[in-house]
């Protein structure tokens, strides 16, 4: 899977993430710490750039299907009357 919209080098070069966010995200926690990372800063930057691209283009998510529901659209749990 990948992006549904065509991404090119120009699109990628326009994605900028704050260095402070990269540094914060590069701090490994939980399973990330257990698995380790050869380059936590590069990994953090890639994650944040991907997130920024998805924020800019909601159709860029893998599968390109984003479902938007309101609370009244949900089904009550089986143990709740109604």
C-alpha atoms as a PDB file:
ATOM      1  CA  UNK A   1       0.000   0.000   0.000  1.00  0.00           C
ATOM      2  CA  UNK A   2       1.006   3.591  -0.398  1.00  0.00           C
ATOM      3  CA  UNK A   3      -0.321   6.987  -1.126  1.00  0.00           C
ATOM      4  CA  UNK A   4      -3.381   7.149  -3.325  1.00  0.00           C
ATOM      5  CA  UNK A   5      -2.315  10.504  -4.711  1.00  0.00           C
ATOM      6  CA  UNK A   6       0.862  10.814  -6.718  1.00  0.00           C
ATOM      7  CA  UNK A   7       3.670  12.135  -4.565  1.00  0.00           C
ATOM      8  CA  UNK A   8       6.761  13.522  -6.172  1.00  0.00           C
ATOM      9  CA  UNK A   9      10.075  14.965  -4.973  1.00  0.00           C
ATOM     10  CA  UNK A  10       8.595  18.465  -4.937  1.00  0.00           C
ATOM     11  CA  UNK A  11       5.788  17.338  -2.600  1.00  0.00           C
ATOM     12  CA  UNK A  12       8.283  15.695  -0.252  1.00  0.00           C
ATOM     13  CA  UNK A  13      10.608  18.694  -0.186  1.00  0.00           C
ATOM     14  CA  UNK A  14       7.755  20.957   0.933  1.00  0.00           C
ATOM     15  CA  UNK A  15       7.107  18.897   4.056  1.00  0.00           C
ATOM     16  CA  UNK A  16       8.894  20.447   7.011  1.00  0.00           C
ATOM     17  CA  UNK A  17       8.746  19.353  10.612  1.00  0.00           C
ATOM     18  CA  UNK A  18       9.951  21.238  13.644  1.00  0.00           C
ATOM     19  CA  UNK A  19      13.309  20.040  14.996  1.00  0.00           C
ATOM     20  CA  UNK A  20      11.949  20.109  18.547  1.00  0.00           C
ATOM     21  CA  UNK A  21       9.161  17.717  17.514  1.00  0.00           C
ATOM     22  CA  UNK A  22      11.735  15.447  15.860  1.00  0.00           C
ATOM     23  CA  UNK A  23      13.892  15.435  18.994  1.00  0.00           C
ATOM     24  CA  UNK A  24      10.894  14.676  21.209  1.00  0.00           C
ATOM     25  CA  UNK A  25       9.630  11.892  18.906  1.00  0.00           C
ATOM     26  CA  UNK A  26      13.149  10.422  18.670  1.00  0.00           C
ATOM     27  CA  UNK A  27      13.030   9.522  22.364  1.00  0.00           C
ATOM     28  CA  UNK A  28      12.174   5.824  22.198  1.00  0.00           C
ATOM     29  CA  UNK A  29       9.516   4.498  24.556  1.00  0.00           C
ATOM     30  CA  UNK A  30       8.040   1.098  25.373  1.00  0.00           C
ATOM     31  CA  UNK A  31       8.266  -1.366  22.497  1.00  0.00           C
ATOM     32  CA  UNK A  32      10.284   1.121  20.440  1.00  0.00           C
ATOM     33  CA  UNK A  33      12.969   1.104  23.118  1.00  0.00           C
ATOM     34  CA  UNK A  34      12.922  -2.701  23.317  1.00  0.00           C
ATOM     35  CA  UNK A  35      13.242  -3.033  19.528  1.00  0.00           C
ATOM     36  CA  UNK A  36      15.831  -0.263  19.273  1.00  0.00           C
ATOM     37  CA  UNK A  37      16.573   1.946  16.304  1.00  0.00           C
ATOM     38  CA  UNK A  38      19.703   2.494  14.227  1.00  0.00           C
ATOM     39  CA  UNK A  39      18.791   6.160  13.776  1.00  0.00           C
ATOM     40  CA  UNK A  40      15.948   7.347  16.013  1.00  0.00           C
ATOM     41  CA  UNK A  41      16.117  10.920  14.646  1.00  0.00           C
ATOM     42  CA  UNK A  42      15.761   9.783  11.020  1.00  0.00           C
ATOM     43  CA  UNK A  43      12.939   7.448  12.042  1.00  0.00           C
ATOM     44  CA  UNK A  44      11.198  10.254  13.959  1.00  0.00           C
ATOM     45  CA  UNK A  45      11.577  12.644  11.025  1.00  0.00           C
ATOM     46  CA  UNK A  46      10.067  10.069   8.615  1.00  0.00           C
ATOM     47  CA  UNK A  47       7.116   9.437  10.948  1.00  0.00           C
ATOM     48  CA  UNK A  48       6.420  13.142  11.411  1.00  0.00           C
ATOM     49  CA  UNK A  49       6.789  13.931   7.688  1.00  0.00           C
ATOM     50  CA  UNK A  50       4.351  11.136   6.877  1.00  0.00           C
ATOM     51  CA  UNK A  51       1.941  12.473   9.487  1.00  0.00           C
ATOM     52  CA  UNK A  52       2.240  15.990   8.066  1.00  0.00           C
ATOM     53  CA  UNK A  53       1.529  14.723   4.543  1.00  0.00           C
ATOM     54  CA  UNK A  54      -1.564  12.859   5.775  1.00  0.00           C
ATOM     55  CA  UNK A  55      -2.729  15.980   7.602  1.00  0.00           C
ATOM     56  CA  UNK A  56      -2.410  18.031   4.416  1.00  0.00           C
ATOM     57  CA  UNK A  57      -4.123  15.422   2.246  1.00  0.00           C
ATOM     58  CA  UNK A  58      -6.670  13.335   4.126  1.00  0.00           C
ATOM     59  CA  UNK A  59      -6.920  10.986   1.118  1.00  0.00           C
ATOM     60  CA  UNK A  60      -3.208  10.117   1.372  1.00  0.00           C
ATOM     61  CA  UNK A  61      -3.740   7.541   4.126  1.00  0.00           C
ATOM     62  CA  UNK A  62      -3.050   3.928   3.171  1.00  0.00           C
ATOM     63  CA  UNK A  63      -6.256   2.552   1.750  1.00  0.00           C
ATOM     64  CA  UNK A  64      -7.414   6.150   1.245  1.00  0.00           C
ATOM     65  CA  UNK A  65     -10.630   5.597   3.121  1.00  0.00           C
ATOM     66  CA  UNK A  66     -11.198   7.832   6.090  1.00  0.00           C
ATOM     67  CA  UNK A  67     -14.474   7.302   7.843  1.00  0.00           C
ATOM     68  CA  UNK A  68     -15.917  10.218   9.763  1.00  0.00           C
ATOM     69  CA  UNK A  69     -18.562   9.377  12.335  1.00  0.00           C
ATOM     70  CA  UNK A  70     -20.424  11.366  14.909  1.00  0.00           C
ATOM     71  CA  UNK A  71     -21.264   9.923  18.315  1.00  0.00           C
ATOM     72  CA  UNK A  72     -24.938   9.604  17.327  1.00  0.00           C
ATOM     73  CA  UNK A  73     -23.892   7.433  14.340  1.00  0.00           C
ATOM     74  CA  UNK A  74     -22.433   4.717  16.565  1.00  0.00           C
ATOM     75  CA  UNK A  75     -24.163   1.605  17.842  1.00  0.00           C
ATOM     76  CA  UNK A  76     -24.671   1.272  21.607  1.00  0.00           C
ATOM     77  CA  UNK A  77     -22.760  -1.608  23.265  1.00  0.00           C
ATOM     78  CA  UNK A  78     -24.674  -4.912  23.407  1.00  0.00           C
ATOM     79  CA  UNK A  79     -25.126  -4.673  27.184  1.00  0.00           C
ATOM     80  CA  UNK A  80     -26.716  -1.204  26.949  1.00  0.00           C
ATOM     81  CA  UNK A  81     -30.456  -0.880  26.414  1.00  0.00           C
ATOM     82  CA  UNK A  82     -31.475   1.231  23.506  1.00  0.00           C
END
